[in-house]
Amino acid sequence: MTTSPRIVIVEDEMIIALDLQTRLQRLGCTVLATATSGEEAIRIVAASQPDLIFMDIGLSGQLDGIDTAAHIHAQAAIPIVFLSAYTDPSTRTRMAPIMPSSLIVKPFADTELREALRLLPGG
């Protein structure tokens, strides 16, 4: 990709969101915004049309990350990288219809972020 990938982060833990933003920027990405709830994420994504979304599964509020991703996916085919400390089979089953997507288990390394960026067109 010749331009900097445009990313939206959806994470309700601000320390994790800031760390992820810093790490993605070091990898050459542009972080457009950070949302702390599913409802906020839906509004931000509709307005900004990012290239990729990093989505925490365990969001507080009425929508968790998978519900939020499904709503976004129904509107636009934006790749989603799910973030979670939990990888149980029911979570993976709920994620399956949302394509393209991947899962990074917290805590994660920069190598996992680089690998996730391969979801980008031309990545």
PDB file of N, CA and C in Angstrom:
ATOM      1  N   MET A   1       0.855  -1.169   0.000  1.00  0.00           N
ATOM      2  CA  MET A   1       0.000   0.000   0.000  1.00  0.00           C
ATOM      3  C   MET A   1       0.901   1.232   0.000  1.00  0.00           C
ATOM      4  N   THR A   2       0.650   2.139  -0.923  1.00  0.00           N
ATOM      5  CA  THR A   2       1.520   3.304  -1.058  1.00  0.00           C
ATOM      6  C   THR A   2       1.187   4.407  -0.058  1.00  0.00           C
ATOM      7  N   THR A   3      -0.060   4.486   0.383  1.00  0.00           N
ATOM      8  CA  THR A   3      -0.422   5.484   1.388  1.00  0.00           C
ATOM      9  C   THR A   3      -0.474   4.818   2.753  1.00  0.00           C
ATOM     10  N   SER A   4      -0.438   5.633   3.769  1.00  0.00           N
ATOM     11  CA  SER A   4      -0.488   5.134   5.130  1.00  0.00           C
ATOM     12  C   SER A   4      -1.862   4.522   5.403  1.00  0.00           C
ATOM     13  N   PRO A   5      -1.907   3.274   5.883  1.00  0.00           N
ATOM     14  CA  PRO A   5      -3.206   2.658   6.194  1.00  0.00           C
ATOM     15  C   PRO A   5      -3.955   3.472   7.245  1.00  0.00           C
ATOM     16  N   ARG A   6      -5.239   3.694   6.997  1.00  0.00           N
ATOM     17  CA  ARG A   6      -6.079   4.476   7.894  1.00  0.00           C
ATOM     18  C   ARG A   6      -6.835   3.529   8.821  1.00  0.00           C
ATOM     19  N   ILE A   7      -6.616   3.692  10.115  1.00  0.00           N
ATOM     20  CA  ILE A   7      -7.084   2.738  11.119  1.00  0.00           C
ATOM     21  C   ILE A   7      -8.034   3.406  12.101  1.00  0.00           C
ATOM     22  N   VAL A   8      -9.071   2.672  12.521  1.00  0.00           N
ATOM     23  CA  VAL A   8      -9.898   3.051  13.665  1.00  0.00           C
ATOM     24  C   VAL A   8      -9.686   1.990  14.734  1.00  0.00           C
ATOM     25  N   ILE A   9      -9.469   2.434  15.967  1.00  0.00           N
ATOM     26  CA  ILE A   9      -9.301   1.546  17.113  1.00  0.00           C
ATOM     27  C   ILE A   9     -10.581   1.601  17.937  1.00  0.00           C
ATOM     28  N   VAL A  10     -11.118   0.435  18.290  1.00  0.00           N
ATOM     29  CA  VAL A  10     -12.292   0.360  19.156  1.00  0.00           C
ATOM     30  C   VAL A  10     -11.867  -0.432  20.392  1.00  0.00           C
ATOM     31  N   GLU A  11     -11.660   0.292  21.476  1.00  0.00           N
ATOM     32  CA  GLU A  11     -11.106  -0.300  22.703  1.00  0.00           C
ATOM     33  C   GLU A  11     -11.557   0.555  23.882  1.00  0.00           C
ATOM     34  N   ASP A  12     -12.197  -0.062  24.880  1.00  0.00           N
ATOM     35  CA  ASP A  12     -12.699   0.718  26.010  1.00  0.00           C
ATOM     36  C   ASP A  12     -11.679   0.901  27.134  1.00  0.00           C
ATOM     37  N   GLU A  13     -10.538   0.250  27.049  1.00  0.00           N
ATOM     38  CA  GLU A  13      -9.454   0.446  28.015  1.00  0.00           C
ATOM     39  C   GLU A  13      -8.477   1.450  27.411  1.00  0.00           C
ATOM     40  N   MET A  14      -8.477   2.675  27.928  1.00  0.00           N
ATOM     41  CA  MET A  14      -7.691   3.752  27.315  1.00  0.00           C
ATOM     42  C   MET A  14      -6.192   3.467  27.265  1.00  0.00           C
ATOM     43  N   ILE A  15      -5.645   2.806  28.278  1.00  0.00           N
ATOM     44  CA  ILE A  15      -4.210   2.489  28.271  1.00  0.00           C
ATOM     45  C   ILE A  15      -3.883   1.566  27.097  1.00  0.00           C
ATOM     46  N   ILE A  16      -4.728   0.579  26.875  1.00  0.00           N
ATOM     47  CA  ILE A  16      -4.514  -0.347  25.762  1.00  0.00           C
ATOM     48  C   ILE A  16      -4.689   0.388  24.436  1.00  0.00           C
ATOM     49  N   ALA A  17      -5.706   1.245  24.350  1.00  0.00           N
ATOM     50  CA  ALA A  17      -5.954   1.997  23.115  1.00  0.00           C
ATOM     51  C   ALA A  17      -4.777   2.905  22.772  1.00  0.00           C
ATOM     52  N   LEU A  18      -4.250   3.602  23.765  1.00  0.00           N
ATOM     53  CA  LEU A  18      -3.107   4.498  23.520  1.00  0.00           C
ATOM     54  C   LEU A  18      -1.858   3.719  23.119  1.00  0.00           C
ATOM     55  N   ASP A  19      -1.622   2.587  23.779  1.00  0.00           N
ATOM     56  CA  ASP A  19      -0.475   1.746  23.424  1.00  0.00           C
ATOM     57  C   ASP A  19      -0.621   1.235  21.991  1.00  0.00           C
ATOM     58  N   LEU A  20      -1.803   0.766  21.646  1.00  0.00           N
ATOM     59  CA  LEU A  20      -2.044   0.264  20.298  1.00  0.00           C
ATOM     60  C   LEU A  20      -1.867   1.380  19.267  1.00  0.00           C
ATOM     61  N   GLN A  21      -2.376   2.559  19.561  1.00  0.00           N
ATOM     62  CA  GLN A  21      -2.222   3.692  18.651  1.00  0.00           C
ATOM     63  C   GLN A  21      -0.750   4.004  18.412  1.00  0.00           C
ATOM     64  N   THR A  22       0.028   4.075  19.475  1.00  0.00           N
ATOM     65  CA  THR A  22       1.461   4.368  19.360  1.00  0.00           C
ATOM     66  C   THR A  22       2.162   3.304  18.522  1.00  0.00           C
ATOM     67  N   ARG A  23       1.852   2.049  18.778  1.00  0.00           N
ATOM     68  CA  ARG A  23       2.503   0.962  18.054  1.00  0.00           C
ATOM     69  C   ARG A  23       2.132   0.967  16.574  1.00  0.00           C
ATOM     70  N   LEU A  24       0.860   1.217  16.269  1.00  0.00           N
ATOM     71  CA  LEU A  24       0.435   1.272  14.871  1.00  0.00           C
ATOM     72  C   LEU A  24       1.066   2.453  14.139  1.00  0.00           C
ATOM     73  N   GLN A  25       1.177   3.577  14.818  1.00  0.00           N
ATOM     74  CA  GLN A  25       1.821   4.734  14.198  1.00  0.00           C
ATOM     75  C   GLN A  25       3.291   4.445  13.912  1.00  0.00           C
ATOM     76  N   ARG A  26       3.970   3.740  14.812  1.00  0.00           N
ATOM     77  CA  ARG A  26       5.363   3.348  14.560  1.00  0.00           C
ATOM     78  C   ARG A  26       5.478   2.436  13.347  1.00  0.00           C
ATOM     79  N   LEU A  27       4.408   1.682  13.064  1.00  0.00           N
ATOM     80  CA  LEU A  27       4.394   0.787  11.904  1.00  0.00           C
ATOM     81  C   LEU A  27       3.949   1.508  10.628  1.00  0.00           C
ATOM     82  N   GLY A  28       3.759   2.822  10.717  1.00  0.00           N
ATOM     83  CA  GLY A  28       3.424   3.604   9.535  1.00  0.00           C
ATOM     84  C   GLY A  28       1.949   3.816   9.281  1.00  0.00           C
ATOM     85  N   CYS A  29       1.105   3.498  10.242  1.00  0.00           N
ATOM     86  CA  CYS A  29      -0.339   3.657  10.078  1.00  0.00           C
ATOM     87  C   CYS A  29      -0.801   5.027  10.568  1.00  0.00           C
ATOM     88  N   THR A  30      -1.917   5.467  10.043  1.00  0.00           N
ATOM     89  CA  THR A  30      -2.585   6.672  10.516  1.00  0.00           C
ATOM     90  C   THR A  30      -3.797   6.239  11.326  1.00  0.00           C
ATOM     91  N   VAL A  31      -3.827   6.590  12.600  1.00  0.00           N
ATOM     92  CA  VAL A  31      -4.978   6.262  13.437  1.00  0.00           C
ATOM     93  C   VAL A  31      -5.944   7.437  13.347  1.00  0.00           C
ATOM     94  N   LEU A  32      -7.099   7.185  12.729  1.00  0.00           N
ATOM     95  CA  LEU A  32      -8.094   8.230  12.507  1.00  0.00           C
ATOM     96  C   LEU A  32      -8.828   8.607  13.784  1.00  0.00           C
ATOM     97  N   ALA A  33      -9.148   7.586  14.606  1.00  0.00           N
ATOM     98  CA  ALA A  33      -9.922   7.830  15.820  1.00  0.00           C
ATOM     99  C   ALA A  33      -9.884   6.597  16.694  1.00  0.00           C
ATOM    100  N   THR A  34     -10.246   6.817  17.955  1.00  0.00           N
ATOM    101  CA  THR A  34     -10.430   5.721  18.897  1.00  0.00           C
ATOM    102  C   THR A  34     -11.829   5.827  19.467  1.00  0.00           C
ATOM    103  N   ALA A  35     -12.562   4.733  19.424  1.00  0.00           N
ATOM    104  CA  ALA A  35     -13.908   4.671  19.993  1.00  0.00           C
ATOM    105  C   ALA A  35     -13.867   3.784  21.233  1.00  0.00           C
ATOM    106  N   THR A  36     -14.704   4.110  22.211  1.00  0.00           N
ATOM    107  CA  THR A  36     -14.731   3.327  23.446  1.00  0.00           C
ATOM    108  C   THR A  36     -15.993   2.485  23.576  1.00  0.00           C
ATOM    109  N   SER A  37     -16.929   2.621  22.644  1.00  0.00           N
ATOM    110  CA  SER A  37     -18.157   1.816  22.675  1.00  0.00           C
ATOM    111  C   SER A  37     -18.524   1.415  21.251  1.00  0.00           C
ATOM    112  N   GLY A  38     -19.378   0.407  21.154  1.00  0.00           N
ATOM    113  CA  GLY A  38     -19.824  -0.032  19.842  1.00  0.00           C
ATOM    114  C   GLY A  38     -20.601   1.037  19.106  1.00  0.00           C
ATOM    115  N   GLU A  39     -21.456   1.724  19.830  1.00  0.00           N
ATOM    116  CA  GLU A  39     -22.272   2.768  19.211  1.00  0.00           C
ATOM    117  C   GLU A  39     -21.396   3.891  18.650  1.00  0.00           C
ATOM    118  N   GLU A  40     -20.404   4.297  19.421  1.00  0.00           N
ATOM    119  CA  GLU A  40     -19.472   5.332  18.961  1.00  0.00           C
ATOM    120  C   GLU A  40     -18.677   4.838  17.748  1.00  0.00           C
ATOM    121  N   ALA A  41     -18.259   3.578  17.786  1.00  0.00           N
ATOM    122  CA  ALA A  41     -17.489   3.002  16.679  1.00  0.00           C
ATOM    123  C   ALA A  41     -18.287   3.020  15.383  1.00  0.00           C
ATOM    124  N   ILE A  42     -19.552   2.682  15.452  1.00  0.00           N
ATOM    125  CA  ILE A  42     -20.399   2.665  14.256  1.00  0.00           C
ATOM    126  C   ILE A  42     -20.468   4.057  13.637  1.00  0.00           C
ATOM    127  N   ARG A  43     -20.629   5.081  14.460  1.00  0.00           N
ATOM    128  CA  ARG A  43     -20.681   6.461  13.959  1.00  0.00           C
ATOM    129  C   ARG A  43     -19.341   6.872  13.339  1.00  0.00           C
ATOM    130  N   ILE A  44     -18.241   6.567  14.040  1.00  0.00           N
ATOM    131  CA  ILE A  44     -16.918   6.970  13.551  1.00  0.00           C
ATOM    132  C   ILE A  44     -16.576   6.281  12.239  1.00  0.00           C
ATOM    133  N   VAL A  45     -16.839   4.988  12.163  1.00  0.00           N
ATOM    134  CA  VAL A  45     -16.514   4.228  10.952  1.00  0.00           C
ATOM    135  C   VAL A  45     -17.346   4.725   9.767  1.00  0.00           C
ATOM    136  N   ALA A  46     -18.618   5.012   9.987  1.00  0.00           N
ATOM    137  CA  ALA A  46     -19.464   5.514   8.906  1.00  0.00           C
ATOM    138  C   ALA A  46     -18.938   6.849   8.385  1.00  0.00           C
ATOM    139  N   ALA A  47     -18.442   7.676   9.277  1.00  0.00           N
ATOM    140  CA  ALA A  47     -17.959   9.005   8.873  1.00  0.00           C
ATOM    141  C   ALA A  47     -16.566   8.974   8.251  1.00  0.00           C
ATOM    142  N   SER A  48     -15.717   8.044   8.701  1.00  0.00           N
ATOM    143  CA  SER A  48     -14.309   8.088   8.279  1.00  0.00           C
ATOM    144  C   SER A  48     -13.917   7.039   7.245  1.00  0.00           C
ATOM    145  N   GLN A  49     -14.680   5.961   7.106  1.00  0.00           N
ATOM    146  CA  GLN A  49     -14.380   4.887   6.163  1.00  0.00           C
ATOM    147  C   GLN A  49     -12.909   4.460   6.220  1.00  0.00           C
ATOM    148  N   PRO A  50     -12.477   3.883   7.348  1.00  0.00           N
ATOM    149  CA  PRO A  50     -11.072   3.470   7.480  1.00  0.00           C
ATOM    150  C   PRO A  50     -10.749   2.278   6.585  1.00  0.00           C
ATOM    151  N   ASP A  51      -9.460   2.004   6.470  1.00  0.00           N
ATOM    152  CA  ASP A  51      -8.999   0.829   5.720  1.00  0.00           C
ATOM    153  C   ASP A  51      -9.061  -0.434   6.564  1.00  0.00           C
ATOM    154  N   LEU A  52      -8.971  -0.273   7.892  1.00  0.00           N
ATOM    155  CA  LEU A  52      -8.893  -1.412   8.811  1.00  0.00           C
ATOM    156  C   LEU A  52      -9.377  -0.963  10.181  1.00  0.00           C
ATOM    157  N   ILE A  53     -10.008  -1.889  10.910  1.00  0.00           N
ATOM    158  CA  ILE A  53     -10.491  -1.609  12.260  1.00  0.00           C
ATOM    159  C   ILE A  53      -9.875  -2.613  13.222  1.00  0.00           C
ATOM    160  N   PHE A  54      -9.330  -2.122  14.332  1.00  0.00           N
ATOM    161  CA  PHE A  54      -8.902  -2.975  15.431  1.00  0.00           C
ATOM    162  C   PHE A  54     -10.002  -2.912  16.475  1.00  0.00           C
ATOM    163  N   MET A  55     -10.654  -4.049  16.762  1.00  0.00           N
ATOM    164  CA  MET A  55     -11.878  -4.099  17.559  1.00  0.00           C
ATOM    165  C   MET A  55     -11.718  -5.015  18.768  1.00  0.00           C
ATOM    166  N   ASP A  56     -11.804  -4.425  19.961  1.00  0.00           N
ATOM    167  CA  ASP A  56     -11.831  -5.220  21.184  1.00  0.00           C
ATOM    168  C   ASP A  56     -13.159  -5.980  21.219  1.00  0.00           C
ATOM    169  N   ILE A  57     -13.133  -7.239  21.584  1.00  0.00           N
ATOM    170  CA  ILE A  57     -14.364  -8.021  21.654  1.00  0.00           C
ATOM    171  C   ILE A  57     -15.161  -7.651  22.900  1.00  0.00           C
ATOM    172  N   GLY A  58     -14.483  -7.428  24.010  1.00  0.00           N
ATOM    173  CA  GLY A  58     -15.162  -7.194  25.282  1.00  0.00           C
ATOM    174  C   GLY A  58     -15.434  -5.734  25.566  1.00  0.00           C
ATOM    175  N   LEU A  59     -16.253  -5.092  24.762  1.00  0.00           N
ATOM    176  CA  LEU A  59     -16.589  -3.680  24.975  1.00  0.00           C
ATOM    177  C   LEU A  59     -17.674  -3.545  26.040  1.00  0.00           C
ATOM    178  N   SER A  60     -17.629  -2.443  26.767  1.00  0.00           N
ATOM    179  CA  SER A  60     -18.730  -2.149  27.665  1.00  0.00           C
ATOM    180  C   SER A  60     -19.832  -1.474  26.858  1.00  0.00           C
ATOM    181  N   GLY A  61     -21.035  -1.492  27.363  1.00  0.00           N
ATOM    182  CA  GLY A  61     -22.152  -0.906  26.636  1.00  0.00           C
ATOM    183  C   GLY A  61     -23.064  -1.986  26.085  1.00  0.00           C
ATOM    184  N   GLN A  62     -24.012  -1.572  25.263  1.00  0.00           N
ATOM    185  CA  GLN A  62     -25.017  -2.509  24.762  1.00  0.00           C
ATOM    186  C   GLN A  62     -24.505  -3.447  23.683  1.00  0.00           C
ATOM    187  N   LEU A  63     -23.510  -3.001  22.923  1.00  0.00           N
ATOM    188  CA  LEU A  63     -22.952  -3.823  21.848  1.00  0.00           C
ATOM    189  C   LEU A  63     -21.550  -4.275  22.212  1.00  0.00           C
ATOM    190  N   ASP A  64     -21.279  -5.574  22.120  1.00  0.00           N
ATOM    191  CA  ASP A  64     -19.895  -6.013  22.284  1.00  0.00           C
ATOM    192  C   ASP A  64     -19.192  -5.849  20.937  1.00  0.00           C
ATOM    193  N   GLY A  65     -17.923  -6.201  20.883  1.00  0.00           N
ATOM    194  CA  GLY A  65     -17.153  -5.991  19.665  1.00  0.00           C
ATOM    195  C   GLY A  65     -17.643  -6.796  18.473  1.00  0.00           C
ATOM    196  N   ILE A  66     -18.123  -8.004  18.714  1.00  0.00           N
ATOM    197  CA  ILE A  66     -18.593  -8.833  17.600  1.00  0.00           C
ATOM    198  C   ILE A  66     -19.899  -8.276  17.048  1.00  0.00           C
ATOM    199  N   ASP A  67     -20.819  -7.860  17.926  1.00  0.00           N
ATOM    200  CA  ASP A  67     -22.068  -7.244  17.464  1.00  0.00           C
ATOM    201  C   ASP A  67     -21.776  -5.956  16.686  1.00  0.00           C
ATOM    202  N   THR A  68     -20.838  -5.165  17.204  1.00  0.00           N
ATOM    203  CA  THR A  68     -20.455  -3.923  16.533  1.00  0.00           C
ATOM    204  C   THR A  68     -19.867  -4.217  15.159  1.00  0.00           C
ATOM    205  N   ALA A  69     -18.980  -5.192  15.095  1.00  0.00           N
ATOM    206  CA  ALA A  69     -18.359  -5.565  13.823  1.00  0.00           C
ATOM    207  C   ALA A  69     -19.397  -6.054  12.820  1.00  0.00           C
ATOM    208  N   ALA A  70     -20.366  -6.835  13.280  1.00  0.00           N
ATOM    209  CA  ALA A  70     -21.415  -7.328  12.383  1.00  0.00           C
ATOM    210  C   ALA A  70     -22.222  -6.159  11.818  1.00  0.00           C
ATOM    211  N   HIS A  71     -22.520  -5.183  12.652  1.00  0.00           N
ATOM    212  CA  HIS A  71     -23.259  -4.007  12.178  1.00  0.00           C
ATOM    213  C   HIS A  71     -22.437  -3.239  11.140  1.00  0.00           C
ATOM    214  N   ILE A  72     -21.170  -3.014  11.435  1.00  0.00           N
ATOM    215  CA  ILE A  72     -20.291  -2.305  10.496  1.00  0.00           C
ATOM    216  C   ILE A  72     -20.157  -3.097   9.200  1.00  0.00           C
ATOM    217  N   HIS A  73     -19.973  -4.405   9.323  1.00  0.00           N
ATOM    218  CA  HIS A  73     -19.790  -5.266   8.156  1.00  0.00           C
ATOM    219  C   HIS A  73     -21.010  -5.248   7.241  1.00  0.00           C
ATOM    220  N   ALA A  74     -22.208  -5.076   7.821  1.00  0.00           N
ATOM    221  CA  ALA A  74     -23.429  -4.999   7.012  1.00  0.00           C
ATOM    222  C   ALA A  74     -23.462  -3.721   6.174  1.00  0.00           C
ATOM    223  N   GLN A  75     -22.714  -2.693   6.595  1.00  0.00           N
ATOM    224  CA  GLN A  75     -22.689  -1.416   5.892  1.00  0.00           C
ATOM    225  C   GLN A  75     -21.501  -1.281   4.939  1.00  0.00           C
ATOM    226  N   ALA A  76     -20.364  -1.875   5.306  1.00  0.00           N
ATOM    227  CA  ALA A  76     -19.146  -1.725   4.502  1.00  0.00           C
ATOM    228  C   ALA A  76     -18.232  -2.925   4.748  1.00  0.00           C
ATOM    229  N   ALA A  77     -17.521  -3.335   3.720  1.00  0.00           N
ATOM    230  CA  ALA A  77     -16.626  -4.496   3.816  1.00  0.00           C
ATOM    231  C   ALA A  77     -15.237  -4.051   4.279  1.00  0.00           C
ATOM    232  N   ILE A  78     -15.161  -3.572   5.512  1.00  0.00           N
ATOM    233  CA  ILE A  78     -13.895  -3.118   6.073  1.00  0.00           C
ATOM    234  C   ILE A  78     -13.299  -4.265   6.887  1.00  0.00           C
ATOM    235  N   PRO A  79     -12.052  -4.662   6.632  1.00  0.00           N
ATOM    236  CA  PRO A  79     -11.440  -5.736   7.419  1.00  0.00           C
ATOM    237  C   PRO A  79     -11.367  -5.359   8.902  1.00  0.00           C
ATOM    238  N   ILE A  80     -11.548  -6.376   9.743  1.00  0.00           N
ATOM    239  CA  ILE A  80     -11.555  -6.158  11.189  1.00  0.00           C
ATOM    240  C   ILE A  80     -10.570  -7.107  11.853  1.00  0.00           C
ATOM    241  N   VAL A  81      -9.746  -6.546  12.725  1.00  0.00           N
ATOM    242  CA  VAL A  81      -8.837  -7.329  13.551  1.00  0.00           C
ATOM    243  C   VAL A  81      -9.421  -7.297  14.959  1.00  0.00           C
ATOM    244  N   PHE A  82      -9.879  -8.451  15.423  1.00  0.00           N
ATOM    245  CA  PHE A  82     -10.435  -8.544  16.766  1.00  0.00           C
ATOM    246  C   PHE A  82      -9.307  -8.664  17.777  1.00  0.00           C
ATOM    247  N   LEU A  83      -9.505  -8.047  18.930  1.00  0.00           N
ATOM    248  CA  LEU A  83      -8.561  -8.113  20.042  1.00  0.00           C
ATOM    249  C   LEU A  83      -9.289  -8.713  21.229  1.00  0.00           C
ATOM    250  N   SER A  84      -8.678  -9.707  21.873  1.00  0.00           N
ATOM    251  CA  SER A  84      -9.335 -10.310  23.023  1.00  0.00           C
ATOM    252  C   SER A  84      -8.340 -11.070  23.875  1.00  0.00           C
ATOM    253  N   ALA A  85      -8.650 -11.142  25.146  1.00  0.00           N
ATOM    254  CA  ALA A  85      -7.873 -11.993  26.045  1.00  0.00           C
ATOM    255  C   ALA A  85      -8.470 -13.396  26.079  1.00  0.00           C
ATOM    256  N   TYR A  86      -9.632 -13.559  25.457  1.00  0.00           N
ATOM    257  CA  TYR A  86     -10.353 -14.837  25.483  1.00  0.00           C
ATOM    258  C   TYR A  86     -10.497 -15.382  24.069  1.00  0.00           C
ATOM    259  N   THR A  87     -10.269 -16.677  23.924  1.00  0.00           N
ATOM    260  CA  THR A  87     -10.356 -17.292  22.598  1.00  0.00           C
ATOM    261  C   THR A  87     -11.200 -18.558  22.639  1.00  0.00           C
ATOM    262  N   ASP A  88     -12.282 -18.548  23.409  1.00  0.00           N
ATOM    263  CA  ASP A  88     -13.105 -19.744  23.524  1.00  0.00           C
ATOM    264  C   ASP A  88     -13.816 -20.038  22.198  1.00  0.00           C
ATOM    265  N   PRO A  89     -14.223 -21.290  21.995  1.00  0.00           N
ATOM    266  CA  PRO A  89     -14.849 -21.679  20.722  1.00  0.00           C
ATOM    267  C   PRO A  89     -16.114 -20.884  20.381  1.00  0.00           C
ATOM    268  N   SER A  90     -16.932 -20.521  21.367  1.00  0.00           N
ATOM    269  CA  SER A  90     -18.156 -19.777  21.053  1.00  0.00           C
ATOM    270  C   SER A  90     -17.830 -18.382  20.515  1.00  0.00           C
ATOM    271  N   THR A  91     -16.769 -17.763  21.030  1.00  0.00           N
ATOM    272  CA  THR A  91     -16.345 -16.452  20.512  1.00  0.00           C
ATOM    273  C   THR A  91     -15.893 -16.598  19.070  1.00  0.00           C
ATOM    274  N   ARG A  92     -15.097 -17.603  18.790  1.00  0.00           N
ATOM    275  CA  ARG A  92     -14.621 -17.818  17.413  1.00  0.00           C
ATOM    276  C   ARG A  92     -15.787 -18.113  16.462  1.00  0.00           C
ATOM    277  N   THR A  93     -16.782 -18.842  16.928  1.00  0.00           N
ATOM    278  CA  THR A  93     -17.953 -19.138  16.104  1.00  0.00           C
ATOM    279  C   THR A  93     -18.712 -17.863  15.773  1.00  0.00           C
ATOM    280  N   ARG A  94     -18.863 -16.973  16.742  1.00  0.00           N
ATOM    281  CA  ARG A  94     -19.554 -15.702  16.513  1.00  0.00           C
ATOM    282  C   ARG A  94     -18.778 -14.811  15.544  1.00  0.00           C
ATOM    283  N   MET A  95     -17.446 -14.903  15.565  1.00  0.00           N
ATOM    284  CA  MET A  95     -16.600 -14.084  14.683  1.00  0.00           C
ATOM    285  C   MET A  95     -16.629 -14.578  13.236  1.00  0.00           C
ATOM    286  N   ALA A  96     -16.869 -15.854  13.026  1.00  0.00           N
ATOM    287  CA  ALA A  96     -16.691 -16.505  11.723  1.00  0.00           C
ATOM    288  C   ALA A  96     -17.373 -15.797  10.548  1.00  0.00           C
ATOM    289  N   PRO A  97     -18.613 -15.304  10.685  1.00  0.00           N
ATOM    290  CA  PRO A  97     -19.253 -14.685   9.515  1.00  0.00           C
ATOM    291  C   PRO A  97     -18.657 -13.336   9.099  1.00  0.00           C
ATOM    292  N   ILE A  98     -17.855 -12.738   9.949  1.00  0.00           N
ATOM    293  CA  ILE A  98     -17.310 -11.417   9.665  1.00  0.00           C
ATOM    294  C   ILE A  98     -15.976 -11.580   8.960  1.00  0.00           C
ATOM    295  N   MET A  99     -16.011 -11.399   7.645  1.00  0.00           N
ATOM    296  CA  MET A  99     -14.816 -11.611   6.832  1.00  0.00           C
ATOM    297  C   MET A  99     -14.527 -10.371   6.005  1.00  0.00           C
ATOM    298  N   PRO A 100     -13.289 -10.000   5.757  1.00  0.00           N
ATOM    299  CA  PRO A 100     -12.116 -10.633   6.348  1.00  0.00           C
ATOM    300  C   PRO A 100     -11.910 -10.150   7.781  1.00  0.00           C
ATOM    301  N   SER A 101     -11.432 -11.048   8.592  1.00  0.00           N
ATOM    302  CA  SER A 101     -11.124 -10.701   9.974  1.00  0.00           C
ATOM    303  C   SER A 101     -10.024 -11.613  10.484  1.00  0.00           C
ATOM    304  N   SER A 102      -9.451 -11.217  11.608  1.00  0.00           N
ATOM    305  CA  SER A 102      -8.481 -12.061  12.285  1.00  0.00           C
ATOM    306  C   SER A 102      -8.594 -11.769  13.772  1.00  0.00           C
ATOM    307  N   LEU A 103      -7.901 -12.548  14.567  1.00  0.00           N
ATOM    308  CA  LEU A 103      -7.940 -12.407  16.016  1.00  0.00           C
ATOM    309  C   LEU A 103      -6.526 -12.308  16.546  1.00  0.00           C
ATOM    310  N   ILE A 104      -6.292 -11.310  17.374  1.00  0.00           N
ATOM    311  CA  ILE A 104      -5.032 -11.176  18.098  1.00  0.00           C
ATOM    312  C   ILE A 104      -5.362 -11.317  19.579  1.00  0.00           C
ATOM    313  N   VAL A 105      -4.639 -12.198  20.241  1.00  0.00           N
ATOM    314  CA  VAL A 105      -4.860 -12.434  21.666  1.00  0.00           C
ATOM    315  C   VAL A 105      -4.006 -11.467  22.468  1.00  0.00           C
ATOM    316  N   LYS A 106      -4.645 -10.808  23.439  1.00  0.00           N
ATOM    317  CA  LYS A 106      -3.933  -9.886  24.338  1.00  0.00           C
ATOM    318  C   LYS A 106      -3.183 -10.692  25.380  1.00  0.00           C
ATOM    319  N   PRO A 107      -2.029 -10.263  25.795  1.00  0.00           N
ATOM    320  CA  PRO A 107      -1.219  -9.172  25.247  1.00  0.00           C
ATOM    321  C   PRO A 107      -0.584  -9.612  23.921  1.00  0.00           C
ATOM    322  N   PHE A 108      -0.297  -8.654  23.066  1.00  0.00           N
ATOM    323  CA  PHE A 108       0.210  -8.968  21.736  1.00  0.00           C
ATOM    324  C   PHE A 108       1.512  -8.229  21.468  1.00  0.00           C
ATOM    325  N   ALA A 109       2.244  -8.732  20.483  1.00  0.00           N
ATOM    326  CA  ALA A 109       3.540  -8.159  20.098  1.00  0.00           C
ATOM    327  C   ALA A 109       3.399  -7.407  18.785  1.00  0.00           C
ATOM    328  N   ASP A 110       4.379  -6.570  18.484  1.00  0.00           N
ATOM    329  CA  ASP A 110       4.379  -5.824  17.221  1.00  0.00           C
ATOM    330  C   ASP A 110       4.346  -6.755  16.014  1.00  0.00           C
ATOM    331  N   THR A 111       4.954  -7.921  16.128  1.00  0.00           N
ATOM    332  CA  THR A 111       4.937  -8.858  15.002  1.00  0.00           C
ATOM    333  C   THR A 111       3.505  -9.284  14.678  1.00  0.00           C
ATOM    334  N   GLU A 112       2.674  -9.419  15.696  1.00  0.00           N
ATOM    335  CA  GLU A 112       1.272  -9.782  15.458  1.00  0.00           C
ATOM    336  C   GLU A 112       0.520  -8.629  14.796  1.00  0.00           C
ATOM    337  N   LEU A 113       0.859  -7.405  15.154  1.00  0.00           N
ATOM    338  CA  LEU A 113       0.234  -6.249  14.510  1.00  0.00           C
ATOM    339  C   LEU A 113       0.631  -6.183  13.041  1.00  0.00           C
ATOM    340  N   ARG A 114       1.912  -6.402  12.754  1.00  0.00           N
ATOM    341  CA  ARG A 114       2.376  -6.401  11.358  1.00  0.00           C
ATOM    342  C   ARG A 114       1.644  -7.477  10.556  1.00  0.00           C
ATOM    343  N   GLU A 115       1.482  -8.628  11.144  1.00  0.00           N
ATOM    344  CA  GLU A 115       0.777  -9.724  10.471  1.00  0.00           C
ATOM    345  C   GLU A 115      -0.679  -9.338  10.208  1.00  0.00           C
ATOM    346  N   ALA A 116      -1.309  -8.683  11.172  1.00  0.00           N
ATOM    347  CA  ALA A 116      -2.712  -8.261  11.012  1.00  0.00           C
ATOM    348  C   ALA A 116      -2.867  -7.243   9.889  1.00  0.00           C
ATOM    349  N   LEU A 117      -1.860  -6.434   9.677  1.00  0.00           N
ATOM    350  CA  LEU A 117      -1.924  -5.429   8.611  1.00  0.00           C
ATOM    351  C   LEU A 117      -1.979  -6.076   7.221  1.00  0.00           C
ATOM    352  N   ARG A 118      -1.712  -7.347   7.151  1.00  0.00           N
ATOM    353  CA  ARG A 118      -1.791  -8.058   5.873  1.00  0.00           C
ATOM    354  C   ARG A 118      -3.240  -8.211   5.394  1.00  0.00           C
ATOM    355  N   LEU A 119      -4.215  -7.912   6.279  1.00  0.00           N
ATOM    356  CA  LEU A 119      -5.617  -7.921   5.860  1.00  0.00           C
ATOM    357  C   LEU A 119      -5.933  -6.766   4.907  1.00  0.00           C
ATOM    358  N   LEU A 120      -5.071  -5.755   4.926  1.00  0.00           N
ATOM    359  CA  LEU A 120      -5.277  -4.600   4.055  1.00  0.00           C
ATOM    360  C   LEU A 120      -5.123  -5.021   2.593  1.00  0.00           C
ATOM    361  N   PRO A 121      -5.898  -4.412   1.700  1.00  0.00           N
ATOM    362  CA  PRO A 121      -5.702  -4.693   0.275  1.00  0.00           C
ATOM    363  C   PRO A 121      -4.243  -4.412  -0.110  1.00  0.00           C
ATOM    364  N   GLY A 122      -3.637  -5.341  -0.766  1.00  0.00           N
ATOM    365  CA  GLY A 122      -2.236  -5.200  -1.154  1.00  0.00           C
ATOM    366  C   GLY A 122      -1.273  -5.490  -0.020  1.00  0.00           C
ATOM    367  N   GLY A 123      -1.827  -5.909   1.169  1.00  0.00           N
ATOM    368  CA  GLY A 123      -0.984  -6.175   2.340  1.00  0.00           C
ATOM    369  C   GLY A 123      -0.364  -7.485   2.241  1.00  0.00           C
TER     370      GLY A 123
END
